[in-house]
Amino acid sequence: MHNVANISALNHRLGILRIAEVVEGNGGLPRVRVTTDGAAGDIYLHGAHVTSWRPKDAEEVLFLSDRSRWQDGTAIRGGVPICFPWFGGKADDPKALAHGFVRTKSWQLESIENSGGCVAVCMSTDSDEVTRRWWPADFRLTYRASFGSKLKLDLELQNTGSEPLRFEEALHAYFRVGDVRSALLTGLDSVHYLDKTDLYREKVQHGDVQISAETDRVYLATQNALTLSDSVMRRRVSIRKWNSLTTVVWNPWMEKSEAISDFDDGGWSEMLCVETSNVLGYAVEVEPGQSHSLGVLIEVSSF
């Protein structure tokens, strides 16, 4: 648990006055609050979780639930959770936390840098006794979130053990939209996907992705840039990724969202998850002493 004195000490050591400051966030959890001429944003040490990004003269890009529970051991609902080392439920342990353990773990704040109007916040976390109860592996994760006119997110894993590691990973971005029923996601035409709402049957996307019911899909062998067009907010969100071969698209729709206790009433209509990932058959394997990274660059334009 972080107290005010610890937060103040972190800010004194790493904060940049009036640009990037370590402050007390929701639930007393420490966050880095970024405020520059080009953008504003927030990232929590809890889960290294980006919860906000607002480029200059633009509205909030990320969806965040008003009902999110801000407490140790619980994931934040919305923003950009980090899923690792498994995605969804753990195949061999139904009692394990969904989407892995790093999104509920307190990360170490390593550095804050300001260059050219862009603020880069770097955090890290390592394997320990708690993580080895769920996944017997030695690793180090480093996450770099760069806030500016674009949002750049880089996640790097280093295998610090003596055995190869195989894992799933995702930057589980919740994008805010005016009305998901009128949003269009382009860039996945003709791509094969697994439909989790239909027993993981493999299907083919025809045209743009349009949301008209519960949607939970893993698009396979995807590397192209995507565009989320929002006719209500009159903007386009460009999503360009690297070292990622799957894209997860998720919206719980009305009935399922009502069963999620930390989801806003009607929040399903205001969000669409488009997730940079390597999951299922595209899980990553890293040899001892080697590393792997994946990342995404997000940009917003008006129309």
C-alpha atoms as a PDB file:
ATOM      1  CA  MET A   1       0.000   0.000   0.000  1.00  0.00           C
ATOM      2  CA  HIS A   2       1.309   3.423  -0.929  1.00  0.00           C
ATOM      3  CA  ASN A   3       0.882   6.298   1.487  1.00  0.00           C
ATOM      4  CA  VAL A   4       1.076  10.030   0.925  1.00  0.00           C
ATOM      5  CA  ALA A   5       4.687  10.198   2.132  1.00  0.00           C
ATOM      6  CA  ASN A   6       5.790   7.535  -0.360  1.00  0.00           C
ATOM      7  CA  ILE A   7       3.979   9.299  -3.189  1.00  0.00           C
ATOM      8  CA  SER A   8       5.580  12.595  -2.243  1.00  0.00           C
ATOM      9  CA  ALA A   9       9.021  10.971  -2.163  1.00  0.00           C
ATOM     10  CA  LEU A  10       8.508   9.482  -5.616  1.00  0.00           C
ATOM     11  CA  ASN A  11       7.428  12.836  -6.967  1.00  0.00           C
ATOM     12  CA  HIS A  12      10.435  14.584  -5.400  1.00  0.00           C
ATOM     13  CA  ARG A  13      12.803  12.034  -6.966  1.00  0.00           C
ATOM     14  CA  LEU A  14      11.285  11.615 -10.434  1.00  0.00           C
ATOM     15  CA  GLY A  15       8.575  14.225 -11.019  1.00  0.00           C
ATOM     16  CA  ILE A  16       8.892  17.156 -13.413  1.00  0.00           C
ATOM     17  CA  LEU A  17       7.272  20.286 -12.009  1.00  0.00           C
ATOM     18  CA  ARG A  18       3.957  21.174 -13.699  1.00  0.00           C
ATOM     19  CA  ILE A  19       4.649  18.646 -16.471  1.00  0.00           C
ATOM     20  CA  ALA A  20       4.643  15.140 -14.971  1.00  0.00           C
ATOM     21  CA  GLU A  21       3.944  14.745 -11.281  1.00  0.00           C
ATOM     22  CA  VAL A  22       3.410  11.706  -9.067  1.00  0.00           C
ATOM     23  CA  VAL A  23       0.173  12.348  -7.189  1.00  0.00           C
ATOM     24  CA  GLU A  24      -2.447  10.489  -5.216  1.00  0.00           C
ATOM     25  CA  GLY A  25      -5.040   9.033  -7.555  1.00  0.00           C
ATOM     26  CA  ASN A  26      -8.335   7.265  -7.070  1.00  0.00           C
ATOM     27  CA  GLY A  27      -8.374   4.978  -4.038  1.00  0.00           C
ATOM     28  CA  GLY A  28      -5.154   6.566  -2.828  1.00  0.00           C
ATOM     29  CA  LEU A  29      -3.203   4.748  -5.543  1.00  0.00           C
ATOM     30  CA  PRO A  30      -0.183   6.614  -6.946  1.00  0.00           C
ATOM     31  CA  ARG A  31      -0.409   7.867 -10.493  1.00  0.00           C
ATOM     32  CA  VAL A  32       1.725   9.955 -12.812  1.00  0.00           C
ATOM     33  CA  ARG A  33      -0.293  12.929 -14.049  1.00  0.00           C
ATOM     34  CA  VAL A  34       1.010  14.343 -17.325  1.00  0.00           C
ATOM     35  CA  THR A  35       0.133  17.883 -18.430  1.00  0.00           C
ATOM     36  CA  THR A  36       1.891  19.405 -21.432  1.00  0.00           C
ATOM     37  CA  ASP A  37       0.986  21.848 -24.198  1.00  0.00           C
ATOM     38  CA  GLY A  38       0.398  18.872 -26.496  1.00  0.00           C
ATOM     39  CA  ALA A  39      -1.477  16.405 -24.319  1.00  0.00           C
ATOM     40  CA  ALA A  40      -2.646  15.321 -20.890  1.00  0.00           C
ATOM     41  CA  GLY A  41      -2.780  11.826 -19.467  1.00  0.00           C
ATOM     42  CA  ASP A  42      -2.583   9.528 -16.476  1.00  0.00           C
ATOM     43  CA  ILE A  43      -0.790   6.282 -15.730  1.00  0.00           C
ATOM     44  CA  TYR A  44      -1.120   4.389 -12.445  1.00  0.00           C
ATOM     45  CA  LEU A  45       1.649   2.367 -10.823  1.00  0.00           C
ATOM     46  CA  HIS A  46      -1.107  -0.163 -10.106  1.00  0.00           C
ATOM     47  CA  GLY A  47      -0.795  -2.409 -13.149  1.00  0.00           C
ATOM     48  CA  ALA A  48       1.265   0.222 -15.033  1.00  0.00           C
ATOM     49  CA  HIS A  49      -2.214   1.159 -16.187  1.00  0.00           C
ATOM     50  CA  VAL A  50      -2.780   4.075 -18.576  1.00  0.00           C
ATOM     51  CA  THR A  51      -6.216   5.464 -17.689  1.00  0.00           C
ATOM     52  CA  SER A  52      -6.372   8.670 -19.723  1.00  0.00           C
ATOM     53  CA  TRP A  53      -4.955  10.328 -22.822  1.00  0.00           C
ATOM     54  CA  ARG A  54      -6.256  13.611 -24.205  1.00  0.00           C
ATOM     55  CA  PRO A  55      -4.325  15.196 -27.081  1.00  0.00           C
ATOM     56  CA  LYS A  56      -4.501  18.972 -27.441  1.00  0.00           C
ATOM     57  CA  ASP A  57      -7.921  20.189 -28.632  1.00  0.00           C
ATOM     58  CA  ALA A  58      -9.331  16.646 -28.507  1.00  0.00           C
ATOM     59  CA  GLU A  59     -11.711  14.830 -26.205  1.00  0.00           C
ATOM     60  CA  GLU A  60     -10.682  11.878 -24.037  1.00  0.00           C
ATOM     61  CA  VAL A  61      -9.600   8.936 -26.202  1.00  0.00           C
ATOM     62  CA  LEU A  62      -9.866   6.132 -23.633  1.00  0.00           C
ATOM     63  CA  PHE A  63     -12.970   4.766 -21.925  1.00  0.00           C
ATOM     64  CA  LEU A  64     -12.846   4.428 -18.133  1.00  0.00           C
ATOM     65  CA  SER A  65     -15.686   3.021 -16.069  1.00  0.00           C
ATOM     66  CA  ASP A  66     -17.071   5.221 -13.298  1.00  0.00           C
ATOM     67  CA  ARG A  67     -17.609   2.032 -11.311  1.00  0.00           C
ATOM     68  CA  SER A  68     -14.018   0.860 -11.482  1.00  0.00           C
ATOM     69  CA  ARG A  69     -12.727  -0.393  -8.134  1.00  0.00           C
ATOM     70  CA  TRP A  70      -9.509   1.373  -7.207  1.00  0.00           C
ATOM     71  CA  GLN A  71      -7.867  -1.089  -4.845  1.00  0.00           C
ATOM     72  CA  ASP A  72      -4.958  -3.485  -4.540  1.00  0.00           C
ATOM     73  CA  GLY A  73      -5.591  -6.885  -6.062  1.00  0.00           C
ATOM     74  CA  THR A  74      -8.314  -5.616  -8.410  1.00  0.00           C
ATOM     75  CA  ALA A  75      -7.909  -4.574 -12.033  1.00  0.00           C
ATOM     76  CA  ILE A  76      -8.937  -1.108 -13.191  1.00  0.00           C
ATOM     77  CA  ARG A  77     -11.872  -1.254 -15.619  1.00  0.00           C
ATOM     78  CA  GLY A  78     -11.013   0.671 -18.766  1.00  0.00           C
ATOM     79  CA  GLY A  79      -7.979   2.530 -20.060  1.00  0.00           C
ATOM     80  CA  VAL A  80      -5.226   0.148 -21.196  1.00  0.00           C
ATOM     81  CA  PRO A  81      -4.804  -2.897 -18.939  1.00  0.00           C
ATOM     82  CA  ILE A  82      -1.735  -5.084 -19.546  1.00  0.00           C
ATOM     83  CA  CYS A  83      -2.599  -8.776 -19.926  1.00  0.00           C
ATOM     84  CA  PHE A  84       0.286 -11.168 -19.148  1.00  0.00           C
ATOM     85  CA  PRO A  85       1.306 -14.023 -19.090  1.00  0.00           C
ATOM     86  CA  TRP A  86      -2.057 -15.437 -20.161  1.00  0.00           C
ATOM     87  CA  PHE A  87      -5.087 -13.961 -21.875  1.00  0.00           C
ATOM     88  CA  GLY A  88      -8.585 -14.633 -20.578  1.00  0.00           C
ATOM     89  CA  GLY A  89      -8.776 -17.537 -18.162  1.00  0.00           C
ATOM     90  CA  LYS A  90      -5.715 -19.632 -17.343  1.00  0.00           C
ATOM     91  CA  ALA A  91      -6.145 -22.895 -19.213  1.00  0.00           C
ATOM     92  CA  ASP A  92      -4.919 -25.158 -16.396  1.00  0.00           C
ATOM     93  CA  ASP A  93      -6.251 -23.204 -13.392  1.00  0.00           C
ATOM     94  CA  PRO A  94      -9.787 -21.800 -13.311  1.00  0.00           C
ATOM     95  CA  LYS A  95      -9.028 -20.097  -9.984  1.00  0.00           C
ATOM     96  CA  ALA A  96      -6.306 -17.906 -11.490  1.00  0.00           C
ATOM     97  CA  LEU A  97      -6.971 -14.228 -12.162  1.00  0.00           C
ATOM     98  CA  ALA A  98      -8.305 -13.514 -15.646  1.00  0.00           C
ATOM     99  CA  HIS A  99      -5.736 -11.983 -18.005  1.00  0.00           C
ATOM    100  CA  GLY A 100      -2.780 -12.759 -15.731  1.00  0.00           C
ATOM    101  CA  PHE A 101      -1.366 -11.058 -12.678  1.00  0.00           C
ATOM    102  CA  VAL A 102       0.558  -7.951 -13.776  1.00  0.00           C
ATOM    103  CA  ARG A 103      -2.504  -5.736 -14.181  1.00  0.00           C
ATOM    104  CA  THR A 104      -3.196  -6.069 -10.439  1.00  0.00           C
ATOM    105  CA  LYS A 105       0.453  -5.760  -9.386  1.00  0.00           C
ATOM    106  CA  SER A 106       2.164  -2.594  -8.165  1.00  0.00           C
ATOM    107  CA  TRP A 107       4.927  -1.669 -10.626  1.00  0.00           C
ATOM    108  CA  GLN A 108       8.121   0.260  -9.958  1.00  0.00           C
ATOM    109  CA  LEU A 109       8.388   3.755 -11.407  1.00  0.00           C
ATOM    110  CA  GLU A 110      11.793   3.864 -13.113  1.00  0.00           C
ATOM    111  CA  SER A 111      11.923   7.218 -14.874  1.00  0.00           C
ATOM    112  CA  ILE A 112      10.020  10.176 -16.305  1.00  0.00           C
ATOM    113  CA  GLU A 113      11.512  12.011 -19.276  1.00  0.00           C
ATOM    114  CA  ASN A 114      10.330  15.097 -21.128  1.00  0.00           C
ATOM    115  CA  SER A 115      11.605  15.607 -24.654  1.00  0.00           C
ATOM    116  CA  GLY A 116      10.129  17.625 -27.490  1.00  0.00           C
ATOM    117  CA  GLY A 117       6.763  17.997 -25.806  1.00  0.00           C
ATOM    118  CA  CYS A 118       6.433  14.243 -25.248  1.00  0.00           C
ATOM    119  CA  VAL A 119       6.571  12.757 -21.753  1.00  0.00           C
ATOM    120  CA  ALA A 120       7.781   9.158 -21.476  1.00  0.00           C
ATOM    121  CA  VAL A 121       6.972   7.288 -18.258  1.00  0.00           C
ATOM    122  CA  CYS A 122       8.883   4.047 -17.705  1.00  0.00           C
ATOM    123  CA  MET A 123       7.819   1.344 -15.218  1.00  0.00           C
ATOM    124  CA  SER A 124       8.987  -2.199 -14.504  1.00  0.00           C
ATOM    125  CA  THR A 125       8.045  -5.329 -12.632  1.00  0.00           C
ATOM    126  CA  ASP A 126       9.833  -8.611 -11.956  1.00  0.00           C
ATOM    127  CA  SER A 127       8.913 -12.158 -11.079  1.00  0.00           C
ATOM    128  CA  ASP A 128       8.720 -12.844  -7.346  1.00  0.00           C
ATOM    129  CA  GLU A 129       7.316 -15.363  -4.885  1.00  0.00           C
ATOM    130  CA  VAL A 130       3.752 -14.260  -5.593  1.00  0.00           C
ATOM    131  CA  THR A 131       3.989 -14.529  -9.393  1.00  0.00           C
ATOM    132  CA  ARG A 132       5.711 -17.931  -9.184  1.00  0.00           C
ATOM    133  CA  ARG A 133       2.677 -19.348  -7.375  1.00  0.00           C
ATOM    134  CA  TRP A 134       0.766 -18.812 -10.614  1.00  0.00           C
ATOM    135  CA  TRP A 135       3.523 -19.095 -13.223  1.00  0.00           C
ATOM    136  CA  PRO A 136       6.911 -20.648 -12.326  1.00  0.00           C
ATOM    137  CA  ALA A 137       9.076 -18.396 -14.469  1.00  0.00           C
ATOM    138  CA  ASP A 138      11.720 -15.709 -14.051  1.00  0.00           C
ATOM    139  CA  PHE A 139      11.135 -12.543 -16.033  1.00  0.00           C
ATOM    140  CA  ARG A 140      11.354  -8.790 -16.087  1.00  0.00           C
ATOM    141  CA  LEU A 141       8.766  -6.566 -17.764  1.00  0.00           C
ATOM    142  CA  THR A 142       9.470  -2.983 -18.765  1.00  0.00           C
ATOM    143  CA  TYR A 143       6.702  -0.674 -19.941  1.00  0.00           C
ATOM    144  CA  ARG A 144       7.183   2.712 -21.540  1.00  0.00           C
ATOM    145  CA  ALA A 145       4.165   4.984 -22.088  1.00  0.00           C
ATOM    146  CA  SER A 146       4.873   8.131 -24.120  1.00  0.00           C
ATOM    147  CA  PHE A 147       2.242  10.888 -23.904  1.00  0.00           C
ATOM    148  CA  GLY A 148       2.174  13.549 -26.608  1.00  0.00           C
ATOM    149  CA  SER A 149       0.220  14.338 -29.760  1.00  0.00           C
ATOM    150  CA  LYS A 150       0.391  10.534 -30.171  1.00  0.00           C
ATOM    151  CA  LEU A 151       0.242   7.849 -27.502  1.00  0.00           C
ATOM    152  CA  LYS A 152       2.995   5.264 -27.821  1.00  0.00           C
ATOM    153  CA  LEU A 153       3.030   2.153 -25.644  1.00  0.00           C
ATOM    154  CA  ASP A 154       5.925  -0.333 -25.533  1.00  0.00           C
ATOM    155  CA  LEU A 155       5.962  -3.528 -23.462  1.00  0.00           C
ATOM    156  CA  GLU A 156       9.183  -5.531 -23.272  1.00  0.00           C
ATOM    157  CA  LEU A 157       9.760  -8.896 -21.650  1.00  0.00           C
ATOM    158  CA  GLN A 158      13.199 -10.183 -20.717  1.00  0.00           C
ATOM    159  CA  ASN A 159      13.596 -13.864 -19.883  1.00  0.00           C
ATOM    160  CA  THR A 160      15.826 -13.762 -16.783  1.00  0.00           C
ATOM    161  CA  GLY A 161      15.561 -17.501 -16.113  1.00  0.00           C
ATOM    162  CA  SER A 162      17.220 -20.634 -17.457  1.00  0.00           C
ATOM    163  CA  GLU A 163      14.206 -22.079 -19.334  1.00  0.00           C
ATOM    164  CA  PRO A 164      12.333 -20.885 -22.429  1.00  0.00           C
ATOM    165  CA  LEU A 165       9.167 -18.898 -21.678  1.00  0.00           C
ATOM    166  CA  ARG A 166       5.926 -19.182 -23.586  1.00  0.00           C
ATOM    167  CA  PHE A 167       3.265 -16.587 -22.831  1.00  0.00           C
ATOM    168  CA  GLU A 168       0.312 -14.584 -24.105  1.00  0.00           C
ATOM    169  CA  GLU A 169       0.166 -10.793 -23.925  1.00  0.00           C
ATOM    170  CA  ALA A 170      -2.156  -7.922 -24.769  1.00  0.00           C
ATOM    171  CA  LEU A 171      -2.441  -4.170 -24.465  1.00  0.00           C
ATOM    172  CA  HIS A 172      -6.178  -4.307 -23.783  1.00  0.00           C
ATOM    173  CA  ALA A 173      -7.100  -0.788 -24.952  1.00  0.00           C
ATOM    174  CA  TYR A 174     -10.630   0.476 -24.280  1.00  0.00           C
ATOM    175  CA  PHE A 175     -11.397   3.212 -26.822  1.00  0.00           C
ATOM    176  CA  ARG A 176     -14.109   5.737 -26.051  1.00  0.00           C
ATOM    177  CA  VAL A 177     -16.746   6.192 -28.760  1.00  0.00           C
ATOM    178  CA  GLY A 178     -19.904   8.260 -29.012  1.00  0.00           C
ATOM    179  CA  ASP A 179     -22.037   5.226 -29.856  1.00  0.00           C
ATOM    180  CA  VAL A 180     -20.449   1.869 -30.656  1.00  0.00           C
ATOM    181  CA  ARG A 181     -23.376   0.998 -32.938  1.00  0.00           C
ATOM    182  CA  SER A 182     -22.312   3.709 -35.378  1.00  0.00           C
ATOM    183  CA  ALA A 183     -18.548   3.188 -35.108  1.00  0.00           C
ATOM    184  CA  LEU A 184     -16.564   1.484 -37.875  1.00  0.00           C
ATOM    185  CA  LEU A 185     -13.273  -0.387 -37.520  1.00  0.00           C
ATOM    186  CA  THR A 186     -11.424  -0.660 -40.815  1.00  0.00           C
ATOM    187  CA  GLY A 187      -8.324  -2.641 -41.722  1.00  0.00           C
ATOM    188  CA  LEU A 188      -9.498  -6.195 -41.002  1.00  0.00           C
ATOM    189  CA  ASP A 189     -11.335  -6.979 -44.242  1.00  0.00           C
ATOM    190  CA  SER A 190     -10.763 -10.616 -45.349  1.00  0.00           C
ATOM    191  CA  VAL A 191      -8.943 -11.483 -42.108  1.00  0.00           C
ATOM    192  CA  HIS A 192      -9.750 -14.796 -40.418  1.00  0.00           C
ATOM    193  CA  TYR A 193     -10.918 -14.616 -36.812  1.00  0.00           C
ATOM    194  CA  LEU A 194     -12.005 -16.880 -33.978  1.00  0.00           C
ATOM    195  CA  ASP A 195     -15.467 -15.991 -32.665  1.00  0.00           C
ATOM    196  CA  LYS A 196     -15.461 -16.547 -28.899  1.00  0.00           C
ATOM    197  CA  THR A 197     -19.236 -15.955 -28.760  1.00  0.00           C
ATOM    198  CA  ASP A 198     -19.700 -18.905 -31.137  1.00  0.00           C
ATOM    199  CA  LEU A 199     -17.526 -21.667 -29.635  1.00  0.00           C
ATOM    200  CA  TYR A 200     -14.323 -20.221 -31.152  1.00  0.00           C
ATOM    201  CA  ARG A 201     -15.473 -21.023 -34.676  1.00  0.00           C
ATOM    202  CA  GLU A 202     -13.151 -19.625 -37.331  1.00  0.00           C
ATOM    203  CA  LYS A 203     -14.773 -17.079 -39.616  1.00  0.00           C
ATOM    204  CA  VAL A 204     -13.755 -14.449 -42.171  1.00  0.00           C
ATOM    205  CA  GLN A 205     -14.338 -10.718 -41.806  1.00  0.00           C
ATOM    206  CA  HIS A 206     -16.167  -9.114 -44.725  1.00  0.00           C
ATOM    207  CA  GLY A 207     -15.749  -5.346 -44.929  1.00  0.00           C
ATOM    208  CA  ASP A 208     -15.498  -3.079 -41.897  1.00  0.00           C
ATOM    209  CA  VAL A 209     -16.167  -4.331 -38.382  1.00  0.00           C
ATOM    210  CA  GLN A 210     -19.536  -3.034 -37.163  1.00  0.00           C
ATOM    211  CA  ILE A 211     -20.846  -3.787 -33.676  1.00  0.00           C
ATOM    212  CA  SER A 212     -24.491  -4.865 -33.395  1.00  0.00           C
ATOM    213  CA  ALA A 213     -24.327  -7.519 -30.659  1.00  0.00           C
ATOM    214  CA  GLU A 214     -21.905  -8.961 -28.106  1.00  0.00           C
ATOM    215  CA  THR A 215     -18.550  -9.151 -29.887  1.00  0.00           C
ATOM    216  CA  ASP A 216     -15.483 -11.104 -28.765  1.00  0.00           C
ATOM    217  CA  ARG A 217     -13.142 -11.953 -31.605  1.00  0.00           C
ATOM    218  CA  VAL A 218      -9.484 -12.823 -32.062  1.00  0.00           C
ATOM    219  CA  TYR A 219      -8.321 -11.712 -35.500  1.00  0.00           C
ATOM    220  CA  LEU A 220      -5.414 -13.835 -36.706  1.00  0.00           C
ATOM    221  CA  ALA A 221      -2.145 -12.944 -38.446  1.00  0.00           C
ATOM    222  CA  THR A 222      -2.909  -9.215 -38.289  1.00  0.00           C
ATOM    223  CA  GLN A 223      -0.244  -6.597 -38.789  1.00  0.00           C
ATOM    224  CA  ASN A 224      -1.986  -3.830 -40.729  1.00  0.00           C
ATOM    225  CA  ALA A 225      -2.836  -0.436 -39.274  1.00  0.00           C
ATOM    226  CA  LEU A 226      -6.456  -0.073 -38.158  1.00  0.00           C
ATOM    227  CA  THR A 227      -8.762   2.947 -38.088  1.00  0.00           C
ATOM    228  CA  LEU A 228     -11.652   3.406 -35.662  1.00  0.00           C
ATOM    229  CA  SER A 229     -14.050   5.929 -37.198  1.00  0.00           C
ATOM    230  CA  ASP A 230     -16.567   7.583 -34.872  1.00  0.00           C
ATOM    231  CA  SER A 231     -19.318   9.535 -36.614  1.00  0.00           C
ATOM    232  CA  VAL A 232     -20.789  10.762 -33.298  1.00  0.00           C
ATOM    233  CA  MET A 233     -17.544  12.236 -31.941  1.00  0.00           C
ATOM    234  CA  ARG A 234     -16.467  13.051 -35.504  1.00  0.00           C
ATOM    235  CA  ARG A 235     -12.980  11.662 -35.215  1.00  0.00           C
ATOM    236  CA  ARG A 236     -10.753   8.844 -36.408  1.00  0.00           C
ATOM    237  CA  VAL A 237      -8.409   6.896 -34.176  1.00  0.00           C
ATOM    238  CA  SER A 238      -5.427   5.369 -35.979  1.00  0.00           C
ATOM    239  CA  ILE A 239      -3.972   2.227 -34.372  1.00  0.00           C
ATOM    240  CA  ARG A 240      -0.570   1.059 -35.617  1.00  0.00           C
ATOM    241  CA  LYS A 241       1.163  -1.839 -33.897  1.00  0.00           C
ATOM    242  CA  TRP A 242       4.343  -3.901 -34.085  1.00  0.00           C
ATOM    243  CA  ASN A 243       5.487  -7.387 -33.040  1.00  0.00           C
ATOM    244  CA  SER A 244       1.841  -8.331 -32.619  1.00  0.00           C
ATOM    245  CA  LEU A 245       0.115 -10.998 -34.706  1.00  0.00           C
ATOM    246  CA  THR A 246      -3.388 -10.980 -33.224  1.00  0.00           C
ATOM    247  CA  THR A 247      -5.972  -8.260 -32.687  1.00  0.00           C
ATOM    248  CA  VAL A 248      -8.765  -8.764 -30.173  1.00  0.00           C
ATOM    249  CA  VAL A 249     -11.997  -6.823 -30.695  1.00  0.00           C
ATOM    250  CA  TRP A 250     -14.413  -6.825 -27.754  1.00  0.00           C
ATOM    251  CA  ASN A 251     -17.675  -5.246 -26.702  1.00  0.00           C
ATOM    252  CA  PRO A 252     -19.834  -6.965 -24.041  1.00  0.00           C
ATOM    253  CA  TRP A 253     -23.111  -5.432 -25.291  1.00  0.00           C
ATOM    254  CA  MET A 254     -26.011  -4.713 -22.980  1.00  0.00           C
ATOM    255  CA  GLU A 255     -26.830  -7.993 -21.225  1.00  0.00           C
ATOM    256  CA  LYS A 256     -23.282  -9.088 -20.467  1.00  0.00           C
ATOM    257  CA  SER A 257     -22.201  -5.618 -19.323  1.00  0.00           C
ATOM    258  CA  GLU A 258     -25.028  -5.592 -16.781  1.00  0.00           C
ATOM    259  CA  ALA A 259     -23.477  -8.692 -15.199  1.00  0.00           C
ATOM    260  CA  ILE A 260     -20.074  -6.973 -14.843  1.00  0.00           C
ATOM    261  CA  SER A 261     -20.235  -5.204 -11.487  1.00  0.00           C
ATOM    262  CA  ASP A 262     -17.593  -2.571 -12.249  1.00  0.00           C
ATOM    263  CA  PHE A 263     -19.061  -1.611 -15.627  1.00  0.00           C
ATOM    264  CA  ASP A 264     -21.163   1.554 -16.026  1.00  0.00           C
ATOM    265  CA  ASP A 265     -24.847   1.307 -16.870  1.00  0.00           C
ATOM    266  CA  GLY A 266     -24.906   1.878 -20.605  1.00  0.00           C
ATOM    267  CA  GLY A 267     -21.098   1.953 -20.733  1.00  0.00           C
ATOM    268  CA  TRP A 268     -21.074  -0.796 -23.348  1.00  0.00           C
ATOM    269  CA  SER A 269     -22.351   1.729 -25.912  1.00  0.00           C
ATOM    270  CA  GLU A 270     -19.449   4.113 -25.224  1.00  0.00           C
ATOM    271  CA  MET A 271     -16.484   1.799 -25.735  1.00  0.00           C
ATOM    272  CA  LEU A 272     -14.788  -0.627 -28.067  1.00  0.00           C
ATOM    273  CA  CYS A 273     -11.726  -2.648 -27.148  1.00  0.00           C
ATOM    274  CA  VAL A 274      -9.154  -3.013 -29.928  1.00  0.00           C
ATOM    275  CA  GLU A 275      -6.274  -4.959 -28.439  1.00  0.00           C
ATOM    276  CA  THR A 276      -2.685  -5.258 -29.623  1.00  0.00           C
ATOM    277  CA  SER A 277      -1.878  -8.830 -28.706  1.00  0.00           C
ATOM    278  CA  ASN A 278      -0.245 -12.210 -29.175  1.00  0.00           C
ATOM    279  CA  VAL A 279      -2.714 -14.817 -27.928  1.00  0.00           C
ATOM    280  CA  LEU A 280      -3.873 -18.410 -28.430  1.00  0.00           C
ATOM    281  CA  GLY A 281      -1.831 -20.057 -31.189  1.00  0.00           C
ATOM    282  CA  TYR A 282       0.226 -16.888 -31.565  1.00  0.00           C
ATOM    283  CA  ALA A 283       1.661 -16.989 -28.042  1.00  0.00           C
ATOM    284  CA  VAL A 284       5.288 -15.868 -27.858  1.00  0.00           C
ATOM    285  CA  GLU A 285       8.293 -18.015 -26.917  1.00  0.00           C
ATOM    286  CA  VAL A 286      11.467 -16.363 -25.606  1.00  0.00           C
ATOM    287  CA  GLU A 287      14.732 -18.166 -24.917  1.00  0.00           C
ATOM    288  CA  PRO A 288      16.766 -17.590 -21.722  1.00  0.00           C
ATOM    289  CA  GLY A 289      18.565 -14.257 -21.767  1.00  0.00           C
ATOM    290  CA  GLN A 290      16.517 -13.045 -24.723  1.00  0.00           C
ATOM    291  CA  SER A 291      13.789 -10.419 -24.902  1.00  0.00           C
ATOM    292  CA  HIS A 292      10.631  -9.623 -26.835  1.00  0.00           C
ATOM    293  CA  SER A 293       8.633  -6.426 -27.193  1.00  0.00           C
ATOM    294  CA  LEU A 294       5.341  -5.372 -28.666  1.00  0.00           C
ATOM    295  CA  GLY A 295       3.813  -1.957 -28.974  1.00  0.00           C
ATOM    296  CA  VAL A 296       1.185   0.335 -30.396  1.00  0.00           C
ATOM    297  CA  LEU A 297       1.050   3.918 -31.636  1.00  0.00           C
ATOM    298  CA  ILE A 298      -2.309   5.701 -31.355  1.00  0.00           C
ATOM    299  CA  GLU A 299      -3.195   8.929 -33.134  1.00  0.00           C
ATOM    300  CA  VAL A 300      -6.417  10.947 -33.387  1.00  0.00           C
ATOM    301  CA  SER A 301      -7.706  13.143 -36.201  1.00  0.00           C
ATOM    302  CA  SER A 302     -10.988  14.994 -36.743  1.00  0.00           C
ATOM    303  CA  PHE A 303     -13.390  14.755 -39.674  1.00  0.00           C
END
